[in-house]
Amino acid sequence: MDNSPPPPSALNNFRILYLVTQLVGITIIILVSCWIGIHLNGLGWSSRPSIQFNWHPLLMSVGMIFLYGNSILIYRGFRYARKKPLKITHATIHGAAFIFTVVALVAVFDSHNLAKPNPIPNMYTLHSWVGLSAVILFSLQYVFGFGAYLFPGVREQLRASYMPVHVFFGVAGFVMAIAAALLGLLEKAIFSVPNYAALPPQAVLINTIGLLYIVYGGLVVFLVTERQYKRHPLPEDVMLLTHSASVGSS
């Protein structure tokens, strides 16, 4: 296997695409906020369940899209940082994404259960099934990843053998989150936008957000799977790994 560092041109391309990815992610959050503020009557909590729902697309966009994507990219985006701080940062961003996701789920279930005059049924659409599957996979990834890479005493051979599984299901969960977001946008547009087929301004905004979800997701998956952009171990990482292996075998 070729362990040589990537050529400077590849790193320059990575930096440009990484910056574009961040700009697209921030634009998504801004546009979702504009959609909520302009077309969905803003934000509220359980005293106003009709707009409590609006926390759901906003917090899911921040947590399961923007932060999840950045957590995946952290090792390649900050390739010259030491491995241990990157592990902690990776876990911290995942933890923040999980908190946003939990609040987003509480908001949507409350908005359904407290709706007047009659509650709205839960968990019957494809969006809800795909979305909950993505959240469950994300949560399992967090638990198993924390245990494998941050829990002391785990052998390096076990960590190395689990790594391909961790990477695959991390990317798979992110792709599922993008799919769920697209299904949720379509569902909201069909249920809430009058004369959607005529493309009123709200419909154009929703469709634009959906396209940016696809662009952001595609960029994240490309940057994390392109072999030229892989982070190579620093000398400090190798020393730490050697020390850990010697301690574990003593």
Protein backbone atom coordinates (compact mmCIF):
# COMPACT_ATOMS: atom_id res chain seq x y z
CA MET A 1 0.00 0.00 0.00
CA ASP A 2 1.25 3.48 -0.89
CA ASN A 3 1.82 5.44 2.34
CA SER A 4 3.44 8.45 0.68
CA PRO A 5 1.76 11.81 1.39
CA PRO A 6 -0.49 13.26 -1.29
CA PRO A 7 1.09 15.65 -3.82
CA PRO A 8 0.72 19.40 -3.17
CA SER A 9 -1.73 19.76 -6.06
CA ALA A 10 -4.06 17.21 -4.46
CA LEU A 11 -3.94 19.05 -1.14
CA ASN A 12 -4.67 22.34 -2.88
CA ASN A 13 -7.70 20.78 -4.55
CA PHE A 14 -8.81 19.38 -1.20
CA ARG A 15 -8.56 22.79 0.49
CA ILE A 16 -10.65 24.41 -2.23
CA LEU A 17 -13.34 21.71 -2.11
CA TYR A 18 -13.30 21.69 1.69
CA LEU A 19 -13.91 25.45 1.73
CA VAL A 20 -16.71 25.09 -0.83
CA THR A 21 -18.25 22.35 1.32
CA GLN A 22 -18.27 24.63 4.37
CA LEU A 23 -19.82 27.48 2.39
CA VAL A 24 -22.55 25.19 1.05
CA GLY A 25 -23.29 23.88 4.55
CA ILE A 26 -23.53 27.38 6.02
CA THR A 27 -25.73 28.46 3.12
CA ILE A 28 -28.10 25.56 3.85
CA ILE A 29 -28.51 26.69 7.46
CA ILE A 30 -29.09 30.31 6.37
CA LEU A 31 -31.68 29.32 3.75
CA VAL A 32 -33.52 26.98 6.14
CA SER A 33 -33.62 29.82 8.69
CA CYS A 34 -35.00 32.18 6.02
CA TRP A 35 -37.61 29.60 4.99
CA ILE A 36 -38.76 29.27 8.60
CA GLY A 37 -38.74 32.99 9.29
CA ILE A 38 -40.40 34.13 6.07
CA HIS A 39 -42.78 31.32 5.16
CA LEU A 40 -43.37 29.21 8.31
CA ASN A 41 -44.07 31.91 10.93
CA GLY A 42 -40.84 31.54 12.87
CA LEU A 43 -40.07 29.38 15.89
CA GLY A 44 -41.99 28.41 19.01
CA TRP A 45 -42.27 25.62 21.53
CA SER A 46 -45.04 23.45 22.95
CA SER A 47 -47.44 26.35 23.62
CA ARG A 48 -47.58 26.81 19.84
CA PRO A 49 -47.25 23.29 18.41
CA SER A 50 -47.98 24.40 14.84
CA ILE A 51 -44.67 26.27 14.73
CA GLN A 52 -42.82 24.08 17.23
CA PHE A 53 -42.34 21.77 14.25
CA ASN A 54 -40.11 24.40 12.65
CA TRP A 55 -37.28 23.52 15.00
CA HIS A 56 -37.15 20.11 13.34
CA PRO A 57 -35.81 21.06 9.88
CA LEU A 58 -33.51 23.70 11.37
CA LEU A 59 -31.89 21.52 14.04
CA MET A 60 -31.71 18.48 11.77
CA SER A 61 -29.94 20.61 9.14
CA VAL A 62 -27.46 21.77 11.77
CA GLY A 63 -26.99 18.40 13.50
CA MET A 64 -27.54 15.51 11.11
CA ILE A 65 -26.32 17.37 8.01
CA PHE A 66 -23.78 20.13 8.76
CA LEU A 67 -22.19 18.83 11.97
CA TYR A 68 -22.34 15.18 10.91
CA GLY A 69 -20.57 16.03 7.66
CA ASN A 70 -17.92 18.06 9.46
CA SER A 71 -17.36 15.30 11.98
CA ILE A 72 -16.72 12.88 9.13
CA LEU A 73 -14.24 15.29 7.52
CA ILE A 74 -12.39 16.33 10.68
CA TYR A 75 -9.40 14.02 10.16
CA ARG A 76 -8.81 15.16 6.59
CA GLY A 77 -9.70 18.79 7.17
CA PHE A 78 -7.18 19.10 10.04
CA ARG A 79 -4.64 16.57 8.83
CA TYR A 80 -1.68 18.23 10.58
CA ALA A 81 -3.24 18.05 14.04
CA ARG A 82 -2.33 15.18 16.35
CA LYS A 83 -4.54 12.10 16.30
CA LYS A 84 -5.74 12.14 19.90
CA PRO A 85 -7.13 15.72 19.86
CA LEU A 86 -8.78 14.90 16.54
CA LYS A 87 -10.47 11.85 18.10
CA ILE A 88 -11.81 13.99 20.93
CA THR A 89 -12.99 16.69 18.49
CA HIS A 90 -14.63 14.05 16.28
CA ALA A 91 -16.52 12.66 19.28
CA THR A 92 -17.45 16.14 20.53
CA ILE A 93 -18.93 17.21 17.20
CA HIS A 94 -20.85 13.93 17.04
CA GLY A 95 -22.11 14.57 20.56
CA ALA A 96 -23.28 18.07 19.63
CA ALA A 97 -25.02 16.67 16.54
CA PHE A 98 -26.75 14.10 18.74
CA ILE A 99 -28.06 16.81 21.10
CA PHE A 100 -29.44 18.86 18.19
CA THR A 101 -31.05 15.71 16.80
CA VAL A 102 -32.76 14.79 20.07
CA VAL A 103 -34.24 18.29 20.43
CA ALA A 104 -35.36 18.16 16.78
CA LEU A 105 -37.14 14.83 17.40
CA VAL A 106 -38.83 16.16 20.54
CA ALA A 107 -40.05 19.16 18.53
CA VAL A 108 -41.60 17.09 15.75
CA PHE A 109 -43.28 14.56 18.05
CA ASP A 110 -44.64 17.35 20.27
CA SER A 111 -45.94 19.27 17.27
CA HIS A 112 -47.83 16.17 16.15
CA ASN A 113 -49.10 15.00 19.53
CA LEU A 114 -50.20 18.46 20.72
CA ALA A 115 -51.83 19.53 17.45
CA LYS A 116 -55.39 20.82 17.70
CA PRO A 117 -58.14 19.88 17.23
CA ASN A 118 -56.72 16.37 16.63
CA PRO A 119 -53.21 14.93 17.02
CA ILE A 120 -51.28 14.18 13.83
CA PRO A 121 -50.19 10.54 13.36
CA ASN A 122 -46.50 9.76 13.85
CA MET A 123 -44.09 7.50 11.98
CA TYR A 124 -46.19 6.61 8.93
CA THR A 125 -44.25 8.32 6.12
CA LEU A 126 -41.14 7.14 4.29
CA HIS A 127 -39.38 10.27 5.54
CA SER A 128 -39.96 9.28 9.17
CA TRP A 129 -38.79 5.70 8.59
CA VAL A 130 -35.61 6.68 6.76
CA GLY A 131 -34.94 9.51 9.20
CA LEU A 132 -35.32 7.37 12.31
CA SER A 133 -33.14 4.68 10.74
CA ALA A 134 -30.44 7.29 10.12
CA VAL A 135 -30.67 8.52 13.72
CA ILE A 136 -30.44 4.98 15.11
CA LEU A 137 -27.43 4.18 12.91
CA PHE A 138 -25.80 7.47 13.88
CA SER A 139 -26.35 6.72 17.59
CA LEU A 140 -24.94 3.18 17.31
CA GLN A 141 -21.93 4.57 15.45
CA TYR A 142 -21.34 7.02 18.27
CA VAL A 143 -21.55 4.38 20.99
CA PHE A 144 -19.38 1.78 19.26
CA GLY A 145 -16.91 4.39 18.02
CA PHE A 146 -16.54 5.86 21.50
CA GLY A 147 -15.97 2.41 22.95
CA ALA A 148 -13.45 1.39 20.30
CA TYR A 149 -11.36 4.56 20.01
CA LEU A 150 -11.71 6.56 23.22
CA PHE A 151 -12.20 3.84 25.83
CA PRO A 152 -8.80 3.01 27.37
CA GLY A 153 -7.38 -0.48 27.12
CA VAL A 154 -8.78 -1.48 23.73
CA ARG A 155 -6.12 -3.29 21.69
CA GLU A 156 -4.86 -1.60 18.55
CA GLN A 157 -5.56 -4.72 16.47
CA LEU A 158 -9.23 -4.52 17.42
CA ARG A 159 -9.34 -0.81 16.62
CA ALA A 160 -7.69 -1.37 13.25
CA SER A 161 -10.03 -4.22 12.32
CA TYR A 162 -13.12 -2.21 13.30
CA MET A 163 -12.04 0.93 11.42
CA PRO A 164 -13.40 -0.07 7.94
CA VAL A 165 -16.76 -0.92 9.53
CA HIS A 166 -16.82 2.38 11.41
CA VAL A 167 -15.99 4.36 8.26
CA PHE A 168 -18.53 2.54 6.07
CA PHE A 169 -21.46 2.88 8.42
CA GLY A 170 -20.51 6.47 9.24
CA VAL A 171 -20.77 7.41 5.59
CA ALA A 172 -23.89 5.25 5.15
CA GLY A 173 -25.61 7.03 8.05
CA PHE A 174 -24.74 10.41 6.58
CA VAL A 175 -26.13 9.43 3.16
CA MET A 176 -29.32 8.21 4.87
CA ALA A 177 -29.58 11.56 6.68
CA ILE A 178 -29.33 13.42 3.36
CA ALA A 179 -32.00 11.14 1.88
CA ALA A 180 -34.28 11.70 4.87
CA ALA A 181 -33.82 15.47 4.60
CA LEU A 182 -34.80 15.41 0.93
CA LEU A 183 -37.88 13.29 1.66
CA GLY A 184 -38.81 15.65 4.50
CA LEU A 185 -38.56 18.70 2.26
CA LEU A 186 -40.73 17.08 -0.37
CA GLU A 187 -43.29 16.01 2.24
CA LYS A 188 -43.46 19.50 3.75
CA ALA A 189 -43.76 21.10 0.31
CA ILE A 190 -46.61 18.82 -0.76
CA PHE A 191 -48.50 19.24 2.52
CA SER A 192 -47.91 22.96 3.06
CA VAL A 193 -47.20 24.86 -0.16
CA PRO A 194 -50.35 25.97 -2.00
CA ASN A 195 -50.14 25.36 -5.73
CA TYR A 196 -46.68 23.81 -5.49
CA ALA A 197 -46.74 22.99 -9.22
CA ALA A 198 -46.77 26.71 -10.06
CA LEU A 199 -43.44 27.17 -8.22
CA PRO A 200 -44.29 30.03 -5.85
CA PRO A 201 -41.31 31.59 -4.01
CA GLN A 202 -41.53 29.13 -1.10
CA ALA A 203 -41.38 26.19 -3.53
CA VAL A 204 -38.31 27.64 -5.25
CA LEU A 205 -36.63 28.09 -1.85
CA ILE A 206 -37.44 24.52 -0.78
CA ASN A 207 -36.15 23.09 -4.04
CA THR A 208 -32.97 25.15 -3.73
CA ILE A 209 -32.37 23.85 -0.21
CA GLY A 210 -32.87 20.31 -1.50
CA LEU A 211 -30.31 20.78 -4.27
CA LEU A 212 -27.82 22.16 -1.75
CA TYR A 213 -28.37 19.11 0.47
CA ILE A 214 -27.33 16.96 -2.51
CA VAL A 215 -24.30 19.15 -3.29
CA TYR A 216 -23.18 19.16 0.35
CA GLY A 217 -23.66 15.42 0.71
CA GLY A 218 -21.84 14.69 -2.54
CA LEU A 219 -18.89 16.87 -1.57
CA VAL A 220 -18.58 15.29 1.89
CA VAL A 221 -18.70 11.75 0.51
CA PHE A 222 -16.17 12.59 -2.22
CA LEU A 223 -13.74 14.27 0.17
CA VAL A 224 -13.88 11.43 2.67
CA THR A 225 -13.55 8.62 0.11
CA GLU A 226 -10.98 10.05 -2.35
CA ARG A 227 -7.72 8.18 -1.61
CA GLN A 228 -5.49 11.13 -2.52
CA TYR A 229 -7.02 13.16 0.32
CA LYS A 230 -6.41 10.57 3.04
CA ARG A 231 -4.70 11.82 6.19
CA HIS A 232 -1.33 10.12 6.74
CA PRO A 233 -0.03 9.51 10.27
CA LEU A 234 2.22 12.15 11.80
CA PRO A 235 5.47 11.06 13.49
CA GLU A 236 3.85 11.81 16.86
CA ASP A 237 0.97 9.47 16.00
CA VAL A 238 3.37 6.64 15.19
CA MET A 239 5.25 7.18 18.47
CA LEU A 240 1.99 7.17 20.44
CA LEU A 241 0.80 4.02 18.67
CA THR A 242 4.10 2.24 19.36
CA HIS A 243 3.97 3.27 23.01
CA SER A 244 0.34 2.08 23.36
CA ALA A 245 1.17 -1.27 21.77
CA SER A 246 4.15 -1.79 24.09
CA VAL A 247 2.06 -0.93 27.16
CA GLY A 248 -0.75 -3.24 26.04
CA SER A 249 1.63 -6.18 25.56
CA SER A 250 3.53 -5.67 28.82
